[in-house]
Amino acid sequence: MFLALGFFALTQGTAQAESADLANLQAQVDSYVSASMTSEVDSLLSSYSAMKIGQTYSADSPVPPAGDNADATWKKMTYSNASASQLIGYAGDQCAAHTAYDQLVAKGVKVDKAKFDSTSEKFCKLVHAAAELKHRYDKYQAIKTNGIVLLKRSKSQGHDFKDRHRTFGGGLDLVYKPDIAGTLENGLHLDQTLIYNSWIKWSDDKPTPLNVIKRIREMQNSDAGRCEGISLPIIPSGSVRAYMYLNVVNVTSSKITIQNCLKAVYNGTHKTHAFPAVSMEAPFGYLYELEQMKDSAKVKLKDNIKDKVVSMVGANEQMITLLKKLN
């Protein structure tokens, strides 16, 4: 008899615990699909949509040129549910880990399927929004600090300077340094800065660096063919002089076209290395959108969306825990 009473008490206690867990789960789900939750999520998604974000480029874009005479590569970003989750700090796919309607109903939870599925879908959209805004904010900070390598070019060749044969060469890295305060919505501003990290090498001497920072409007010059822009002596005696020239031929909202040349003057003779004009497509409008990420309201929206994702992940984890207890 005592055993029977004990079993009855244990059974009753287990039933009461399960009833309490079910009540807690029901309350959690009710809160998750509540009008206040829906309103808050809708407001965040509406604010995000109002930003009218265009194409996003991968975190490592542009990939700096690796070899000679190469342009940087811009890679378009495509988020999966898993990569978006990982970008904001989660090891796994938060959308895939989300509690399903069928799981809840199987345990006795009463919930409107349309409401629950809608909330789940909006949660996934918030994950993507949080990832994109974080990506853009981080990219903005990186570009503001380091600029963007747009181009790498180099050339080396032997020449006869009357009765003397010498090799001279040179190259450049072209770095675009956005003026954060003056980025244009429709593209590139003429007062933006290009950093011209260049070098010239004469014969067996070590390369001589020539690092020049110029505004784009200062680099637009019809005399580029003369290759007499910047002069420097190659050897201490001054018997060899080199000229390096960089010219912005054209600049639009989506690309920039440049040409450059090297010239060596030695033994009464000059030899020129002319590079073909090269056009580089770069998403200058995207840079404008990135620049907007410094705006306090946009930073706050980024943080608010991330906070809401964190809270909804927490709520989902509580639902999963309660579901497991009801097994």
C-alpha atoms as a PDB file:
ATOM      1  CA  MET A   1       0.000   0.000   0.000  1.00  0.00           C
ATOM      2  CA  PHE A   2       2.784   2.358   0.900  1.00  0.00           C
ATOM      3  CA  LEU A   3       4.443   1.532  -2.411  1.00  0.00           C
ATOM      4  CA  ALA A   4       1.220   2.292  -4.248  1.00  0.00           C
ATOM      5  CA  LEU A   5       0.846   5.600  -2.439  1.00  0.00           C
ATOM      6  CA  GLY A   6       4.442   6.460  -3.203  1.00  0.00           C
ATOM      7  CA  PHE A   7       3.993   5.629  -6.863  1.00  0.00           C
ATOM      8  CA  PHE A   8       0.793   7.674  -6.942  1.00  0.00           C
ATOM      9  CA  ALA A   9       2.553  10.650  -5.353  1.00  0.00           C
ATOM     10  CA  LEU A  10       5.455  10.347  -7.777  1.00  0.00           C
ATOM     11  CA  THR A  11       3.103  10.091 -10.726  1.00  0.00           C
ATOM     12  CA  GLN A  12       1.068  13.034  -9.482  1.00  0.00           C
ATOM     13  CA  GLY A  13       4.225  15.068  -8.934  1.00  0.00           C
ATOM     14  CA  THR A  14       5.500  14.283 -12.422  1.00  0.00           C
ATOM     15  CA  ALA A  15       2.148  15.220 -13.934  1.00  0.00           C
ATOM     16  CA  GLN A  16       2.138  18.504 -12.034  1.00  0.00           C
ATOM     17  CA  ALA A  17       5.691  19.254 -13.197  1.00  0.00           C
ATOM     18  CA  GLU A  18       4.766  18.492 -16.800  1.00  0.00           C
ATOM     19  CA  SER A  19       1.679  20.650 -16.457  1.00  0.00           C
ATOM     20  CA  ALA A  20       3.825  23.513 -15.143  1.00  0.00           C
ATOM     21  CA  ASP A  21       6.336  23.044 -17.968  1.00  0.00           C
ATOM     22  CA  LEU A  22       3.547  23.057 -20.530  1.00  0.00           C
ATOM     23  CA  ALA A  23       2.083  26.212 -18.970  1.00  0.00           C
ATOM     24  CA  ASN A  24       5.509  27.872 -19.101  1.00  0.00           C
ATOM     25  CA  LEU A  25       5.958  26.820 -22.707  1.00  0.00           C
ATOM     26  CA  GLN A  26       2.492  28.087 -23.601  1.00  0.00           C
ATOM     27  CA  ALA A  27       3.286  31.445 -21.986  1.00  0.00           C
ATOM     28  CA  GLN A  28       6.631  31.608 -23.830  1.00  0.00           C
ATOM     29  CA  VAL A  29       4.988  30.901 -27.171  1.00  0.00           C
ATOM     30  CA  ASP A  30       2.162  33.363 -26.502  1.00  0.00           C
ATOM     31  CA  SER A  31       4.736  36.059 -25.790  1.00  0.00           C
ATOM     32  CA  TYR A  32       6.733  35.103 -28.886  1.00  0.00           C
ATOM     33  CA  VAL A  33       3.781  35.629 -31.234  1.00  0.00           C
ATOM     34  CA  SER A  34       2.195  38.494 -29.290  1.00  0.00           C
ATOM     35  CA  ALA A  35       1.048  41.719 -30.915  1.00  0.00           C
ATOM     36  CA  SER A  36       3.778  43.682 -29.121  1.00  0.00           C
ATOM     37  CA  MET A  37       6.481  41.334 -30.425  1.00  0.00           C
ATOM     38  CA  THR A  38       5.092  41.461 -33.951  1.00  0.00           C
ATOM     39  CA  SER A  39       4.919  45.249 -33.830  1.00  0.00           C
ATOM     40  CA  GLU A  40       8.503  45.604 -32.625  1.00  0.00           C
ATOM     41  CA  VAL A  41       9.890  43.190 -35.225  1.00  0.00           C
ATOM     42  CA  ASP A  42       7.872  44.812 -38.018  1.00  0.00           C
ATOM     43  CA  SER A  43       9.177  48.231 -37.001  1.00  0.00           C
ATOM     44  CA  LEU A  44      12.796  47.065 -37.110  1.00  0.00           C
ATOM     45  CA  LEU A  45      12.360  45.386 -40.476  1.00  0.00           C
ATOM     46  CA  SER A  46      10.605  48.469 -41.846  1.00  0.00           C
ATOM     47  CA  SER A  47      13.473  50.729 -40.739  1.00  0.00           C
ATOM     48  CA  TYR A  48      15.959  48.331 -42.268  1.00  0.00           C
ATOM     49  CA  SER A  49      14.031  48.241 -45.545  1.00  0.00           C
ATOM     50  CA  ALA A  50      13.894  52.056 -45.605  1.00  0.00           C
ATOM     51  CA  MET A  51      17.710  52.128 -45.814  1.00  0.00           C
ATOM     52  CA  LYS A  52      17.353  50.763 -49.375  1.00  0.00           C
ATOM     53  CA  ILE A  53      20.576  48.826 -49.153  1.00  0.00           C
ATOM     54  CA  GLY A  54      21.918  47.807 -52.543  1.00  0.00           C
ATOM     55  CA  GLN A  55      24.507  45.180 -53.358  1.00  0.00           C
ATOM     56  CA  THR A  56      26.781  44.113 -50.535  1.00  0.00           C
ATOM     57  CA  TYR A  57      30.310  42.954 -51.206  1.00  0.00           C
ATOM     58  CA  SER A  58      32.150  40.262 -49.301  1.00  0.00           C
ATOM     59  CA  ALA A  59      34.136  41.129 -46.232  1.00  0.00           C
ATOM     60  CA  ASP A  60      37.459  40.747 -48.054  1.00  0.00           C
ATOM     61  CA  SER A  61      36.435  42.867 -51.061  1.00  0.00           C
ATOM     62  CA  PRO A  62      38.153  44.239 -52.869  1.00  0.00           C
ATOM     63  CA  VAL A  63      40.716  41.447 -52.941  1.00  0.00           C
ATOM     64  CA  PRO A  64      44.023  43.301 -53.447  1.00  0.00           C
ATOM     65  CA  PRO A  65      45.768  42.472 -56.730  1.00  0.00           C
ATOM     66  CA  ALA A  66      48.298  39.694 -56.277  1.00  0.00           C
ATOM     67  CA  GLY A  67      50.378  40.049 -59.418  1.00  0.00           C
ATOM     68  CA  ASP A  68      51.704  42.602 -61.850  1.00  0.00           C
ATOM     69  CA  ASN A  69      49.283  44.652 -63.921  1.00  0.00           C
ATOM     70  CA  ALA A  70      46.265  43.363 -62.024  1.00  0.00           C
ATOM     71  CA  ASP A  71      43.125  45.032 -60.760  1.00  0.00           C
ATOM     72  CA  ALA A  72      41.459  44.477 -57.420  1.00  0.00           C
ATOM     73  CA  THR A  73      38.490  42.112 -57.434  1.00  0.00           C
ATOM     74  CA  TRP A  74      35.123  42.953 -55.890  1.00  0.00           C
ATOM     75  CA  LYS A  75      33.183  39.879 -54.836  1.00  0.00           C
ATOM     76  CA  LYS A  76      29.436  40.105 -54.337  1.00  0.00           C
ATOM     77  CA  MET A  77      28.155  38.848 -51.029  1.00  0.00           C
ATOM     78  CA  THR A  78      25.435  36.200 -50.901  1.00  0.00           C
ATOM     79  CA  TYR A  79      24.166  35.323 -47.436  1.00  0.00           C
ATOM     80  CA  SER A  80      22.865  31.911 -46.525  1.00  0.00           C
ATOM     81  CA  ASN A  81      20.999  31.459 -43.259  1.00  0.00           C
ATOM     82  CA  ALA A  82      24.094  29.753 -41.868  1.00  0.00           C
ATOM     83  CA  SER A  83      26.620  32.392 -42.992  1.00  0.00           C
ATOM     84  CA  ALA A  84      24.408  35.225 -41.725  1.00  0.00           C
ATOM     85  CA  SER A  85      24.179  33.543 -38.330  1.00  0.00           C
ATOM     86  CA  GLN A  86      27.922  32.994 -38.213  1.00  0.00           C
ATOM     87  CA  LEU A  87      28.664  36.588 -39.161  1.00  0.00           C
ATOM     88  CA  ILE A  88      26.846  37.829 -36.060  1.00  0.00           C
ATOM     89  CA  GLY A  89      28.573  35.348 -33.782  1.00  0.00           C
ATOM     90  CA  TYR A  90      26.619  32.106 -33.798  1.00  0.00           C
ATOM     91  CA  ALA A  91      28.234  28.755 -34.520  1.00  0.00           C
ATOM     92  CA  GLY A  92      25.198  27.278 -36.262  1.00  0.00           C
ATOM     93  CA  ASP A  93      22.272  28.212 -38.468  1.00  0.00           C
ATOM     94  CA  GLN A  94      19.778  29.963 -36.188  1.00  0.00           C
ATOM     95  CA  CYS A  95      16.947  29.659 -38.695  1.00  0.00           C
ATOM     96  CA  ALA A  96      17.394  25.891 -38.967  1.00  0.00           C
ATOM     97  CA  ALA A  97      17.564  25.638 -35.173  1.00  0.00           C
ATOM     98  CA  HIS A  98      14.271  27.457 -34.747  1.00  0.00           C
ATOM     99  CA  THR A  99      11.441  25.607 -33.027  1.00  0.00           C
ATOM    100  CA  ALA A 100       8.841  24.299 -35.484  1.00  0.00           C
ATOM    101  CA  TYR A 101       5.093  24.694 -35.174  1.00  0.00           C
ATOM    102  CA  ASP A 102       4.565  20.911 -35.336  1.00  0.00           C
ATOM    103  CA  GLN A 103       6.898  20.367 -32.373  1.00  0.00           C
ATOM    104  CA  LEU A 104       4.827  22.689 -30.223  1.00  0.00           C
ATOM    105  CA  VAL A 105       1.447  21.283 -31.216  1.00  0.00           C
ATOM    106  CA  ALA A 106       2.675  17.748 -30.561  1.00  0.00           C
ATOM    107  CA  LYS A 107       3.268  18.727 -26.922  1.00  0.00           C
ATOM    108  CA  GLY A 108      -0.128  20.335 -26.471  1.00  0.00           C
ATOM    109  CA  VAL A 109       0.694  23.990 -27.090  1.00  0.00           C
ATOM    110  CA  LYS A 110      -2.130  26.039 -28.572  1.00  0.00           C
ATOM    111  CA  VAL A 111      -0.792  28.449 -31.169  1.00  0.00           C
ATOM    112  CA  ASP A 112      -1.957  29.948 -34.439  1.00  0.00           C
ATOM    113  CA  LYS A 113       0.175  28.394 -37.190  1.00  0.00           C
ATOM    114  CA  ALA A 114       0.112  31.468 -39.429  1.00  0.00           C
ATOM    115  CA  LYS A 115       1.248  33.725 -36.589  1.00  0.00           C
ATOM    116  CA  PHE A 116       4.007  31.376 -35.462  1.00  0.00           C
ATOM    117  CA  ASP A 117       5.334  30.727 -38.968  1.00  0.00           C
ATOM    118  CA  SER A 118       5.242  34.451 -39.720  1.00  0.00           C
ATOM    119  CA  THR A 119       7.256  35.244 -36.593  1.00  0.00           C
ATOM    120  CA  SER A 120       9.776  32.527 -37.481  1.00  0.00           C
ATOM    121  CA  GLU A 121      10.165  33.947 -40.983  1.00  0.00           C
ATOM    122  CA  LYS A 122      10.653  37.470 -39.673  1.00  0.00           C
ATOM    123  CA  PHE A 123      13.233  36.180 -37.210  1.00  0.00           C
ATOM    124  CA  CYS A 124      15.279  34.835 -40.137  1.00  0.00           C
ATOM    125  CA  LYS A 125      14.985  38.207 -41.897  1.00  0.00           C
ATOM    126  CA  LEU A 126      16.275  39.903 -38.752  1.00  0.00           C
ATOM    127  CA  VAL A 127      19.263  37.544 -38.684  1.00  0.00           C
ATOM    128  CA  HIS A 128      20.090  38.540 -42.269  1.00  0.00           C
ATOM    129  CA  ALA A 129      19.580  42.244 -41.494  1.00  0.00           C
ATOM    130  CA  ALA A 130      21.829  42.050 -38.438  1.00  0.00           C
ATOM    131  CA  ALA A 131      24.512  40.301 -40.494  1.00  0.00           C
ATOM    132  CA  GLU A 132      24.394  42.810 -43.335  1.00  0.00           C
ATOM    133  CA  LEU A 133      24.483  45.862 -41.077  1.00  0.00           C
ATOM    134  CA  LYS A 134      27.366  44.445 -39.046  1.00  0.00           C
ATOM    135  CA  HIS A 135      29.211  43.576 -42.242  1.00  0.00           C
ATOM    136  CA  ARG A 136      28.762  47.079 -43.614  1.00  0.00           C
ATOM    137  CA  TYR A 137      29.705  48.778 -40.367  1.00  0.00           C
ATOM    138  CA  ASP A 138      32.875  46.690 -40.071  1.00  0.00           C
ATOM    139  CA  LYS A 139      33.697  47.338 -43.739  1.00  0.00           C
ATOM    140  CA  TYR A 140      33.197  51.067 -43.252  1.00  0.00           C
ATOM    141  CA  GLN A 141      35.645  51.065 -40.349  1.00  0.00           C
ATOM    142  CA  ALA A 142      38.231  49.114 -42.359  1.00  0.00           C
ATOM    143  CA  ILE A 143      38.012  51.364 -45.431  1.00  0.00           C
ATOM    144  CA  LYS A 144      38.132  54.500 -43.313  1.00  0.00           C
ATOM    145  CA  THR A 145      41.396  53.274 -41.799  1.00  0.00           C
ATOM    146  CA  ASN A 146      43.126  51.479 -44.656  1.00  0.00           C
ATOM    147  CA  GLY A 147      41.598  52.672 -47.914  1.00  0.00           C
ATOM    148  CA  ILE A 148      41.148  50.324 -50.883  1.00  0.00           C
ATOM    149  CA  VAL A 149      43.839  48.894 -53.142  1.00  0.00           C
ATOM    150  CA  LEU A 150      42.427  49.319 -56.664  1.00  0.00           C
ATOM    151  CA  LEU A 151      45.378  48.455 -58.841  1.00  0.00           C
ATOM    152  CA  LYS A 152      48.869  46.956 -58.979  1.00  0.00           C
ATOM    153  CA  ARG A 153      51.124  47.587 -61.986  1.00  0.00           C
ATOM    154  CA  SER A 154      54.809  47.059 -62.697  1.00  0.00           C
ATOM    155  CA  LYS A 155      57.148  46.905 -65.660  1.00  0.00           C
ATOM    156  CA  SER A 156      60.862  46.248 -66.144  1.00  0.00           C
ATOM    157  CA  GLN A 157      62.806  46.296 -69.396  1.00  0.00           C
ATOM    158  CA  GLY A 158      66.333  46.637 -70.762  1.00  0.00           C
ATOM    159  CA  HIS A 159      67.201  49.616 -72.988  1.00  0.00           C
ATOM    160  CA  ASP A 160      70.137  50.932 -74.966  1.00  0.00           C
ATOM    161  CA  PHE A 161      71.024  54.435 -73.862  1.00  0.00           C
ATOM    162  CA  LYS A 162      73.256  55.217 -76.858  1.00  0.00           C
ATOM    163  CA  ASP A 163      76.254  52.929 -76.221  1.00  0.00           C
ATOM    164  CA  ARG A 164      75.182  51.759 -72.755  1.00  0.00           C
ATOM    165  CA  HIS A 165      72.610  49.089 -71.931  1.00  0.00           C
ATOM    166  CA  ARG A 166      70.680  49.434 -68.716  1.00  0.00           C
ATOM    167  CA  THR A 167      67.491  48.007 -67.256  1.00  0.00           C
ATOM    168  CA  PHE A 168      65.008  50.187 -65.532  1.00  0.00           C
ATOM    169  CA  GLY A 169      61.578  49.469 -64.164  1.00  0.00           C
ATOM    170  CA  GLY A 170      58.964  50.541 -61.713  1.00  0.00           C
ATOM    171  CA  GLY A 171      55.495  50.004 -60.500  1.00  0.00           C
ATOM    172  CA  LEU A 172      52.683  51.265 -58.346  1.00  0.00           C
ATOM    173  CA  ASP A 173      49.895  50.315 -56.017  1.00  0.00           C
ATOM    174  CA  LEU A 174      46.923  52.602 -56.417  1.00  0.00           C
ATOM    175  CA  VAL A 175      45.054  53.035 -53.140  1.00  0.00           C
ATOM    176  CA  TYR A 176      41.705  54.801 -53.014  1.00  0.00           C
ATOM    177  CA  LYS A 177      41.248  56.691 -49.775  1.00  0.00           C
ATOM    178  CA  PRO A 178      37.617  57.833 -49.463  1.00  0.00           C
ATOM    179  CA  ASP A 179      37.024  61.229 -47.955  1.00  0.00           C
ATOM    180  CA  ILE A 180      34.552  60.033 -45.358  1.00  0.00           C
ATOM    181  CA  ALA A 181      32.985  63.459 -45.007  1.00  0.00           C
ATOM    182  CA  GLY A 182      32.478  63.955 -48.740  1.00  0.00           C
ATOM    183  CA  THR A 183      31.385  60.676 -50.258  1.00  0.00           C
ATOM    184  CA  LEU A 184      28.798  61.177 -52.981  1.00  0.00           C
ATOM    185  CA  GLU A 185      25.605  59.185 -53.349  1.00  0.00           C
ATOM    186  CA  ASN A 186      26.087  58.974 -57.116  1.00  0.00           C
ATOM    187  CA  GLY A 187      29.718  57.940 -57.015  1.00  0.00           C
ATOM    188  CA  LEU A 188      33.197  59.386 -56.796  1.00  0.00           C
ATOM    189  CA  HIS A 189      34.067  62.909 -55.729  1.00  0.00           C
ATOM    190  CA  LEU A 190      36.908  64.629 -57.577  1.00  0.00           C
ATOM    191  CA  ASP A 191      38.365  65.757 -54.263  1.00  0.00           C
ATOM    192  CA  GLN A 192      38.734  62.188 -53.039  1.00  0.00           C
ATOM    193  CA  THR A 193      42.263  60.929 -52.608  1.00  0.00           C
ATOM    194  CA  LEU A 194      44.354  58.393 -54.488  1.00  0.00           C
ATOM    195  CA  ILE A 195      47.544  57.276 -52.762  1.00  0.00           C
ATOM    196  CA  TYR A 196      50.106  56.457 -55.360  1.00  0.00           C
ATOM    197  CA  ASN A 197      52.536  54.009 -53.684  1.00  0.00           C
ATOM    198  CA  SER A 198      55.182  53.679 -56.354  1.00  0.00           C
ATOM    199  CA  TRP A 199      58.785  52.664 -56.934  1.00  0.00           C
ATOM    200  CA  ILE A 200      61.478  52.955 -59.582  1.00  0.00           C
ATOM    201  CA  LYS A 201      64.448  50.620 -59.991  1.00  0.00           C
ATOM    202  CA  TRP A 202      67.540  51.425 -62.013  1.00  0.00           C
ATOM    203  CA  SER A 203      69.962  48.706 -63.142  1.00  0.00           C
ATOM    204  CA  ASP A 204      71.160  46.724 -60.094  1.00  0.00           C
ATOM    205  CA  ASP A 205      70.232  49.415 -57.569  1.00  0.00           C
ATOM    206  CA  LYS A 206      67.577  48.800 -54.939  1.00  0.00           C
ATOM    207  CA  PRO A 207      64.061  50.052 -55.704  1.00  0.00           C
ATOM    208  CA  THR A 208      63.532  53.712 -54.842  1.00  0.00           C
ATOM    209  CA  PRO A 209      60.106  54.415 -53.329  1.00  0.00           C
ATOM    210  CA  LEU A 210      58.031  57.371 -54.382  1.00  0.00           C
ATOM    211  CA  ASN A 211      54.865  57.665 -52.358  1.00  0.00           C
ATOM    212  CA  VAL A 212      52.607  60.455 -53.462  1.00  0.00           C
ATOM    213  CA  ILE A 213      49.136  61.437 -52.294  1.00  0.00           C
ATOM    214  CA  LYS A 214      47.044  63.402 -54.764  1.00  0.00           C
ATOM    215  CA  ARG A 215      43.468  64.472 -55.228  1.00  0.00           C
ATOM    216  CA  ILE A 216      41.753  63.023 -58.256  1.00  0.00           C
ATOM    217  CA  ARG A 217      41.142  66.459 -59.765  1.00  0.00           C
ATOM    218  CA  GLU A 218      44.894  67.197 -59.507  1.00  0.00           C
ATOM    219  CA  MET A 219      45.637  64.059 -61.483  1.00  0.00           C
ATOM    220  CA  GLN A 220      43.450  64.886 -64.483  1.00  0.00           C
ATOM    221  CA  ASN A 221      45.919  66.255 -67.016  1.00  0.00           C
ATOM    222  CA  SER A 222      45.967  66.333 -70.815  1.00  0.00           C
ATOM    223  CA  ASP A 223      49.781  66.186 -70.892  1.00  0.00           C
ATOM    224  CA  ALA A 224      50.017  62.612 -69.634  1.00  0.00           C
ATOM    225  CA  GLY A 225      51.758  61.454 -72.822  1.00  0.00           C
ATOM    226  CA  ARG A 226      54.829  63.530 -72.023  1.00  0.00           C
ATOM    227  CA  CYS A 227      55.425  61.440 -68.867  1.00  0.00           C
ATOM    228  CA  GLU A 228      57.006  64.324 -66.996  1.00  0.00           C
ATOM    229  CA  GLY A 229      54.846  64.499 -63.917  1.00  0.00           C
ATOM    230  CA  ILE A 230      57.121  63.598 -60.998  1.00  0.00           C
ATOM    231  CA  SER A 231      60.889  63.563 -61.266  1.00  0.00           C
ATOM    232  CA  LEU A 232      63.490  62.089 -58.950  1.00  0.00           C
ATOM    233  CA  PRO A 233      67.178  61.196 -59.226  1.00  0.00           C
ATOM    234  CA  ILE A 234      67.887  57.459 -59.296  1.00  0.00           C
ATOM    235  CA  ILE A 235      71.569  57.477 -58.298  1.00  0.00           C
ATOM    236  CA  PRO A 236      73.378  59.949 -56.026  1.00  0.00           C
ATOM    237  CA  SER A 237      75.323  61.576 -58.860  1.00  0.00           C
ATOM    238  CA  GLY A 238      72.076  62.651 -60.461  1.00  0.00           C
ATOM    239  CA  SER A 239      73.199  61.358 -63.855  1.00  0.00           C
ATOM    240  CA  VAL A 240      70.000  59.337 -64.160  1.00  0.00           C
ATOM    241  CA  ARG A 241      66.604  60.868 -63.671  1.00  0.00           C
ATOM    242  CA  ALA A 242      63.299  59.093 -63.694  1.00  0.00           C
ATOM    243  CA  TYR A 243      59.800  60.405 -64.179  1.00  0.00           C
ATOM    244  CA  MET A 244      56.607  58.807 -62.989  1.00  0.00           C
ATOM    245  CA  TYR A 245      53.214  59.971 -64.103  1.00  0.00           C
ATOM    246  CA  LEU A 246      49.723  58.967 -63.124  1.00  0.00           C
ATOM    247  CA  ASN A 247      46.735  60.461 -64.910  1.00  0.00           C
ATOM    248  CA  VAL A 248      43.029  60.085 -64.210  1.00  0.00           C
ATOM    249  CA  VAL A 249      41.562  60.037 -67.704  1.00  0.00           C
ATOM    250  CA  ASN A 250      37.953  59.629 -66.698  1.00  0.00           C
ATOM    251  CA  VAL A 251      35.920  59.098 -63.573  1.00  0.00           C
ATOM    252  CA  THR A 252      32.250  58.173 -63.278  1.00  0.00           C
ATOM    253  CA  SER A 253      29.933  56.940 -60.585  1.00  0.00           C
ATOM    254  CA  SER A 254      30.875  53.331 -61.253  1.00  0.00           C
ATOM    255  CA  LYS A 255      34.431  53.286 -62.562  1.00  0.00           C
ATOM    256  CA  ILE A 256      37.706  55.133 -62.836  1.00  0.00           C
ATOM    257  CA  THR A 257      40.087  55.111 -65.817  1.00  0.00           C
ATOM    258  CA  ILE A 258      43.773  55.820 -65.307  1.00  0.00           C
ATOM    259  CA  GLN A 259      46.946  55.785 -67.314  1.00  0.00           C
ATOM    260  CA  ASN A 260      50.506  55.994 -66.127  1.00  0.00           C
ATOM    261  CA  CYS A 261      54.036  55.900 -67.466  1.00  0.00           C
ATOM    262  CA  LEU A 262      57.691  55.722 -66.448  1.00  0.00           C
ATOM    263  CA  LYS A 263      60.556  57.555 -68.136  1.00  0.00           C
ATOM    264  CA  ALA A 264      64.305  57.306 -67.591  1.00  0.00           C
ATOM    265  CA  VAL A 265      66.727  59.955 -68.902  1.00  0.00           C
ATOM    266  CA  TYR A 266      70.354  58.810 -69.093  1.00  0.00           C
ATOM    267  CA  ASN A 267      73.381  59.502 -71.265  1.00  0.00           C
ATOM    268  CA  GLY A 268      71.451  62.066 -73.260  1.00  0.00           C
ATOM    269  CA  THR A 269      68.694  59.588 -74.098  1.00  0.00           C
ATOM    270  CA  HIS A 270      65.223  59.056 -72.693  1.00  0.00           C
ATOM    271  CA  LYS A 271      63.221  55.832 -72.715  1.00  0.00           C
ATOM    272  CA  THR A 272      59.575  55.544 -71.750  1.00  0.00           C
ATOM    273  CA  HIS A 273      57.425  52.721 -70.402  1.00  0.00           C
ATOM    274  CA  ALA A 274      53.838  53.585 -71.175  1.00  0.00           C
ATOM    275  CA  PHE A 275      51.064  51.536 -69.583  1.00  0.00           C
ATOM    276  CA  PRO A 276      47.806  51.189 -71.492  1.00  0.00           C
ATOM    277  CA  ALA A 277      44.918  53.095 -69.978  1.00  0.00           C
ATOM    278  CA  VAL A 278      43.007  50.828 -67.625  1.00  0.00           C
ATOM    279  CA  SER A 279      39.441  51.153 -66.374  1.00  0.00           C
ATOM    280  CA  MET A 280      38.555  49.763 -62.976  1.00  0.00           C
ATOM    281  CA  GLU A 281      35.000  49.079 -62.025  1.00  0.00           C
ATOM    282  CA  ALA A 282      34.443  49.858 -58.383  1.00  0.00           C
ATOM    283  CA  PRO A 283      31.156  50.229 -56.521  1.00  0.00           C
ATOM    284  CA  PHE A 284      31.559  53.863 -55.534  1.00  0.00           C
ATOM    285  CA  GLY A 285      27.855  54.096 -54.736  1.00  0.00           C
ATOM    286  CA  TYR A 286      28.379  51.227 -52.322  1.00  0.00           C
ATOM    287  CA  LEU A 287      31.091  53.258 -50.604  1.00  0.00           C
ATOM    288  CA  TYR A 288      28.570  56.036 -50.097  1.00  0.00           C
ATOM    289  CA  GLU A 289      26.186  53.564 -48.455  1.00  0.00           C
ATOM    290  CA  LEU A 290      29.022  52.367 -46.231  1.00  0.00           C
ATOM    291  CA  GLU A 291      29.802  55.940 -45.258  1.00  0.00           C
ATOM    292  CA  GLN A 292      26.223  56.283 -44.027  1.00  0.00           C
ATOM    293  CA  MET A 293      26.994  53.642 -41.390  1.00  0.00           C
ATOM    294  CA  LYS A 294      28.685  56.322 -39.329  1.00  0.00           C
ATOM    295  CA  ASP A 295      25.267  57.917 -38.797  1.00  0.00           C
ATOM    296  CA  SER A 296      24.226  57.460 -35.168  1.00  0.00           C
ATOM    297  CA  ALA A 297      20.659  56.476 -36.075  1.00  0.00           C
ATOM    298  CA  LYS A 298      21.907  53.727 -38.398  1.00  0.00           C
ATOM    299  CA  VAL A 299      24.378  52.474 -35.811  1.00  0.00           C
ATOM    300  CA  LYS A 300      21.556  52.413 -33.264  1.00  0.00           C
ATOM    301  CA  LEU A 301      19.350  50.469 -35.691  1.00  0.00           C
ATOM    302  CA  LYS A 302      22.176  47.979 -36.217  1.00  0.00           C
ATOM    303  CA  ASP A 303      22.485  47.506 -32.466  1.00  0.00           C
ATOM    304  CA  ASN A 304      18.710  47.292 -31.929  1.00  0.00           C
ATOM    305  CA  ILE A 305      18.328  44.605 -34.590  1.00  0.00           C
ATOM    306  CA  LYS A 306      21.218  42.618 -33.125  1.00  0.00           C
ATOM    307  CA  ASP A 307      19.705  42.929 -29.625  1.00  0.00           C
ATOM    308  CA  LYS A 308      16.322  41.714 -30.882  1.00  0.00           C
ATOM    309  CA  VAL A 309      17.950  38.737 -32.602  1.00  0.00           C
ATOM    310  CA  VAL A 310      19.753  37.868 -29.367  1.00  0.00           C
ATOM    311  CA  SER A 311      16.518  38.062 -27.363  1.00  0.00           C
ATOM    312  CA  MET A 312      14.626  35.940 -29.897  1.00  0.00           C
ATOM    313  CA  VAL A 313      17.417  33.359 -29.944  1.00  0.00           C
ATOM    314  CA  GLY A 314      17.149  33.244 -26.155  1.00  0.00           C
ATOM    315  CA  ALA A 315      13.381  32.792 -26.299  1.00  0.00           C
ATOM    316  CA  ASN A 316      13.747  29.986 -28.835  1.00  0.00           C
ATOM    317  CA  GLU A 317      16.337  28.255 -26.653  1.00  0.00           C
ATOM    318  CA  GLN A 318      13.901  28.392 -23.725  1.00  0.00           C
ATOM    319  CA  MET A 319      11.189  26.837 -25.894  1.00  0.00           C
ATOM    320  CA  ILE A 320      13.574  24.050 -26.917  1.00  0.00           C
ATOM    321  CA  THR A 321      14.538  23.413 -23.290  1.00  0.00           C
ATOM    322  CA  LEU A 322      10.878  23.177 -22.236  1.00  0.00           C
ATOM    323  CA  LEU A 323      10.077  20.926 -25.184  1.00  0.00           C
ATOM    324  CA  LYS A 324      12.844  18.527 -24.137  1.00  0.00           C
ATOM    325  CA  LYS A 325      11.509  18.423 -20.581  1.00  0.00           C
ATOM    326  CA  LEU A 326       8.112  17.414 -21.904  1.00  0.00           C
ATOM    327  CA  ASN A 327       9.461  14.336 -23.720  1.00  0.00           C
END
